[in-house]
N, C-alpha and C. Protein backbone atom coordinates (compact mmCIF):
# COMPACT_ATOMS: atom_id res chain seq x y z
N MET A 1 154.92 180.03 264.27
CA MET A 1 154.65 180.45 262.92
C MET A 1 154.86 181.95 262.80
N TYR A 2 154.34 182.70 263.75
CA TYR A 2 154.47 184.15 263.66
C TYR A 2 155.92 184.58 263.89
N THR A 3 156.65 183.83 264.67
CA THR A 3 158.08 184.11 264.85
C THR A 3 158.80 183.96 263.53
N TYR A 4 158.46 182.95 262.77
CA TYR A 4 159.07 182.75 261.45
C TYR A 4 158.80 183.96 260.56
N TYR A 5 157.54 184.42 260.51
CA TYR A 5 157.21 185.56 259.67
C TYR A 5 157.94 186.82 260.11
N LEU A 6 158.08 187.01 261.42
CA LEU A 6 158.82 188.16 261.92
C LEU A 6 160.28 188.10 261.50
N LEU A 7 160.91 186.95 261.71
CA LEU A 7 162.32 186.82 261.36
C LEU A 7 162.56 186.90 259.85
N ASN A 8 161.59 186.49 259.07
CA ASN A 8 161.71 186.53 257.62
C ASN A 8 161.74 187.97 257.08
N GLN A 9 161.30 188.92 257.88
CA GLN A 9 161.31 190.32 257.47
C GLN A 9 162.71 190.92 257.47
N PHE A 10 163.64 190.28 258.16
CA PHE A 10 165.00 190.77 258.23
C PHE A 10 165.87 189.98 257.25
N PRO A 11 166.39 190.64 256.21
CA PRO A 11 167.17 189.92 255.19
C PRO A 11 168.34 189.12 255.75
N GLY A 12 168.97 189.60 256.79
CA GLY A 12 170.11 188.89 257.37
C GLY A 12 169.72 187.60 258.09
N MET A 13 168.46 187.48 258.45
CA MET A 13 168.00 186.30 259.18
C MET A 13 167.50 185.18 258.27
N ARG A 14 167.23 185.49 257.01
CA ARG A 14 166.60 184.52 256.12
C ARG A 14 167.42 183.25 255.95
N ARG A 15 168.74 183.36 256.01
CA ARG A 15 169.56 182.14 255.85
C ARG A 15 169.49 181.23 257.07
N HIS A 16 169.00 181.76 258.18
CA HIS A 16 168.86 180.96 259.40
C HIS A 16 167.48 180.31 259.54
N LEU A 17 166.63 180.49 258.56
CA LEU A 17 165.26 179.98 258.65
C LEU A 17 165.12 178.64 257.94
N TRP A 18 165.99 177.75 258.23
CA TRP A 18 165.99 176.41 257.62
C TRP A 18 164.83 175.56 258.13
N TRP A 19 164.18 175.97 259.20
CA TRP A 19 163.16 175.17 259.86
C TRP A 19 161.75 175.42 259.34
N LYS A 20 161.61 176.15 258.23
CA LYS A 20 160.28 176.43 257.65
C LYS A 20 159.55 175.13 257.30
N ARG A 21 160.27 174.18 256.72
CA ARG A 21 159.66 172.90 256.34
C ARG A 21 159.08 172.18 257.56
N TYR A 22 159.81 172.19 258.65
CA TYR A 22 159.37 171.50 259.85
C TYR A 22 158.19 172.22 260.50
N LEU A 23 158.14 173.52 260.37
CA LEU A 23 156.99 174.29 260.85
C LEU A 23 155.73 173.88 260.10
N THR A 24 155.84 173.73 258.80
CA THR A 24 154.70 173.29 257.99
C THR A 24 154.28 171.87 258.37
N GLN A 25 155.24 171.00 258.62
CA GLN A 25 154.91 169.64 259.04
C GLN A 25 154.17 169.65 260.38
N MET A 26 154.61 170.48 261.31
CA MET A 26 153.94 170.56 262.60
C MET A 26 152.51 171.09 262.45
N GLN A 27 152.32 172.03 261.54
CA GLN A 27 150.98 172.54 261.31
C GLN A 27 150.07 171.46 260.72
N LEU A 28 150.60 170.67 259.80
CA LEU A 28 149.81 169.58 259.22
C LEU A 28 149.41 168.57 260.30
N VAL A 29 150.33 168.25 261.19
CA VAL A 29 150.01 167.33 262.29
C VAL A 29 148.96 167.95 263.21
N GLN A 30 149.09 169.23 263.49
CA GLN A 30 148.11 169.92 264.32
C GLN A 30 146.71 169.84 263.69
N PHE A 31 146.61 170.12 262.41
CA PHE A 31 145.31 170.07 261.74
C PHE A 31 144.74 168.66 261.75
N LEU A 32 145.59 167.67 261.56
CA LEU A 32 145.14 166.29 261.59
C LEU A 32 144.61 165.90 262.97
N LEU A 33 145.32 166.29 264.02
CA LEU A 33 144.88 165.98 265.38
C LEU A 33 143.56 166.67 265.72
N ILE A 34 143.40 167.91 265.28
CA ILE A 34 142.13 168.60 265.51
C ILE A 34 141.01 167.91 264.75
N LEU A 35 141.28 167.48 263.53
CA LEU A 35 140.28 166.76 262.74
C LEU A 35 139.88 165.45 263.42
N ILE A 36 140.84 164.71 263.93
CA ILE A 36 140.56 163.45 264.63
C ILE A 36 139.73 163.72 265.89
N ASN A 37 140.13 164.73 266.65
CA ASN A 37 139.41 165.06 267.88
C ASN A 37 137.98 165.50 267.58
N THR A 38 137.80 166.33 266.59
CA THR A 38 136.46 166.81 266.24
C THR A 38 135.61 165.68 265.68
N SER A 39 136.21 164.79 264.91
CA SER A 39 135.47 163.64 264.38
C SER A 39 135.01 162.74 265.52
N TYR A 40 135.85 162.60 266.52
CA TYR A 40 135.47 161.80 267.70
C TYR A 40 134.27 162.42 268.41
N ILE A 41 134.30 163.73 268.54
CA ILE A 41 133.17 164.44 269.16
C ILE A 41 131.89 164.16 268.38
N TYR A 42 131.98 164.22 267.07
CA TYR A 42 130.81 163.98 266.22
C TYR A 42 130.32 162.54 266.34
N LEU A 43 131.24 161.58 266.29
CA LEU A 43 130.86 160.17 266.29
C LEU A 43 130.43 159.66 267.66
N SER A 44 130.89 160.29 268.72
CA SER A 44 130.55 159.81 270.06
C SER A 44 129.17 160.27 270.53
N GLY A 45 128.56 161.16 269.78
CA GLY A 45 127.24 161.62 270.17
C GLY A 45 127.27 162.67 271.26
N CYS A 46 128.37 163.36 271.37
CA CYS A 46 128.49 164.43 272.37
C CYS A 46 127.44 165.51 272.09
N GLU A 47 127.02 166.21 273.13
CA GLU A 47 125.98 167.21 272.97
C GLU A 47 126.52 168.55 272.51
N PHE A 48 127.72 168.58 271.98
CA PHE A 48 128.28 169.80 271.41
C PHE A 48 127.46 170.15 270.17
N PRO A 49 127.23 171.43 269.88
CA PRO A 49 126.39 171.81 268.74
C PRO A 49 126.87 171.18 267.42
N LEU A 50 125.95 170.55 266.72
CA LEU A 50 126.29 169.85 265.49
C LEU A 50 126.83 170.78 264.43
N TRP A 51 126.23 171.95 264.28
CA TRP A 51 126.68 172.88 263.24
C TRP A 51 128.14 173.29 263.47
N SER A 52 128.52 173.49 264.72
CA SER A 52 129.88 173.89 265.06
C SER A 52 130.87 172.75 264.76
N THR A 53 130.47 171.55 265.10
CA THR A 53 131.33 170.39 264.85
C THR A 53 131.55 170.19 263.36
N LEU A 54 130.49 170.27 262.58
CA LEU A 54 130.61 170.08 261.13
C LEU A 54 131.41 171.20 260.47
N MET A 55 131.26 172.42 260.99
CA MET A 55 132.05 173.54 260.45
C MET A 55 133.54 173.31 260.73
N LEU A 56 133.87 172.86 261.93
CA LEU A 56 135.28 172.63 262.27
C LEU A 56 135.87 171.48 261.47
N ILE A 57 135.09 170.42 261.26
CA ILE A 57 135.57 169.31 260.43
C ILE A 57 135.84 169.79 259.01
N SER A 58 134.92 170.58 258.46
CA SER A 58 135.11 171.12 257.11
C SER A 58 136.33 172.02 257.04
N TYR A 59 136.50 172.86 258.05
CA TYR A 59 137.63 173.78 258.10
C TYR A 59 138.96 173.02 258.17
N MET A 60 139.01 171.95 258.95
CA MET A 60 140.24 171.18 259.06
C MET A 60 140.56 170.45 257.76
N PHE A 61 139.54 169.94 257.06
CA PHE A 61 139.77 169.35 255.74
C PHE A 61 140.34 170.40 254.78
N LEU A 62 139.79 171.60 254.83
CA LEU A 62 140.27 172.67 253.97
C LEU A 62 141.73 173.02 254.30
N MET A 63 142.04 173.16 255.57
CA MET A 63 143.40 173.51 255.97
C MET A 63 144.39 172.40 255.60
N LEU A 64 144.00 171.16 255.80
CA LEU A 64 144.87 170.05 255.41
C LEU A 64 145.11 170.04 253.91
N THR A 65 144.07 170.33 253.15
CA THR A 65 144.20 170.37 251.69
C THR A 65 145.13 171.50 251.26
N LEU A 66 144.91 172.69 251.79
CA LEU A 66 145.72 173.84 251.38
C LEU A 66 147.18 173.71 251.82
N PHE A 67 147.38 173.37 253.08
CA PHE A 67 148.76 173.24 253.58
C PHE A 67 149.45 172.02 252.97
N GLY A 68 148.69 170.95 252.75
CA GLY A 68 149.26 169.77 252.10
C GLY A 68 149.69 170.08 250.67
N ASN A 69 148.88 170.85 249.97
CA ASN A 69 149.25 171.25 248.61
C ASN A 69 150.49 172.13 248.62
N PHE A 70 150.55 173.08 249.56
CA PHE A 70 151.74 173.91 249.68
C PHE A 70 152.98 173.06 249.95
N TYR A 71 152.86 172.13 250.89
CA TYR A 71 153.99 171.27 251.24
C TYR A 71 154.44 170.45 250.02
N LEU A 72 153.48 169.92 249.30
CA LEU A 72 153.79 169.13 248.11
C LEU A 72 154.50 169.98 247.07
N GLN A 73 153.98 171.16 246.79
CA GLN A 73 154.58 172.03 245.77
C GLN A 73 155.95 172.56 246.19
N ALA A 74 156.08 172.95 247.44
CA ALA A 74 157.31 173.59 247.90
C ALA A 74 158.44 172.61 248.20
N TYR A 75 158.11 171.45 248.76
CA TYR A 75 159.18 170.58 249.26
C TYR A 75 159.30 169.25 248.52
N ILE A 76 158.25 168.76 247.93
CA ILE A 76 158.33 167.49 247.21
C ILE A 76 158.58 167.77 245.73
N LYS A 77 157.67 168.46 245.08
CA LYS A 77 157.84 168.77 243.66
C LYS A 77 158.92 169.81 243.45
N GLY A 78 159.10 170.71 244.39
CA GLY A 78 160.12 171.74 244.28
C GLY A 78 161.51 171.15 244.17
N LYS A 79 161.77 170.08 244.91
CA LYS A 79 163.08 169.41 244.83
C LYS A 79 163.27 168.76 243.48
N ARG A 80 162.21 168.18 242.92
CA ARG A 80 162.32 167.55 241.61
C ARG A 80 162.64 168.56 240.54
N VAL A 81 162.00 169.72 240.59
CA VAL A 81 162.24 170.76 239.60
C VAL A 81 163.68 171.24 239.67
N LYS A 82 164.20 171.46 240.87
CA LYS A 82 165.58 171.90 241.02
C LYS A 82 166.55 170.85 240.51
N THR A 83 166.29 169.58 240.83
CA THR A 83 167.15 168.49 240.38
C THR A 83 167.12 168.37 238.86
N ASP A 84 165.92 168.45 238.27
CA ASP A 84 165.81 168.38 236.81
C ASP A 84 166.52 169.54 236.15
N LYS A 85 166.43 170.74 236.72
CA LYS A 85 167.10 171.90 236.15
C LYS A 85 168.61 171.74 236.22
N LYS A 86 169.13 171.19 237.32
CA LYS A 86 170.57 170.97 237.44
C LYS A 86 171.04 169.97 236.39
N ARG A 87 170.24 168.91 236.16
CA ARG A 87 170.59 167.92 235.14
C ARG A 87 170.62 168.55 233.76
N GLN A 88 169.66 169.41 233.46
CA GLN A 88 169.63 170.06 232.15
C GLN A 88 170.82 171.00 232.00
N ASP A 89 171.20 171.69 233.06
CA ASP A 89 172.36 172.58 233.00
C ASP A 89 173.64 171.79 232.75
N ILE A 90 173.75 170.63 233.37
CA ILE A 90 174.93 169.78 233.18
C ILE A 90 174.99 169.28 231.74
N LYS A 91 173.85 168.85 231.19
CA LYS A 91 173.80 168.36 229.83
C LYS A 91 174.11 169.47 228.82
N SER A 92 173.71 170.71 229.12
CA SER A 92 173.94 171.83 228.23
C SER A 92 175.41 172.21 228.19
N SER A 93 176.10 171.97 229.26
CA SER A 93 177.51 172.41 229.36
C SER A 93 178.44 171.62 228.50
């Protein structure tokens, strides 16, 4: 992730950063796996501090929500907006 941000600072490199979408997907999978692991800790009755477990579960829900919303806006709805705009441009011509 930090490599992406570093490379994005150089204008000549921006056209080579096609993998941003896949980076976001990997982060979503990471957050989901941490949520599953932490939920298992909570449900198994492990002696790990309860407050810490609940904080991490809440944090992972928050991260999944925020990154999921970004992914939806940038890659799912973003494609629809571009496609609709192209259709309107064609109809206007």
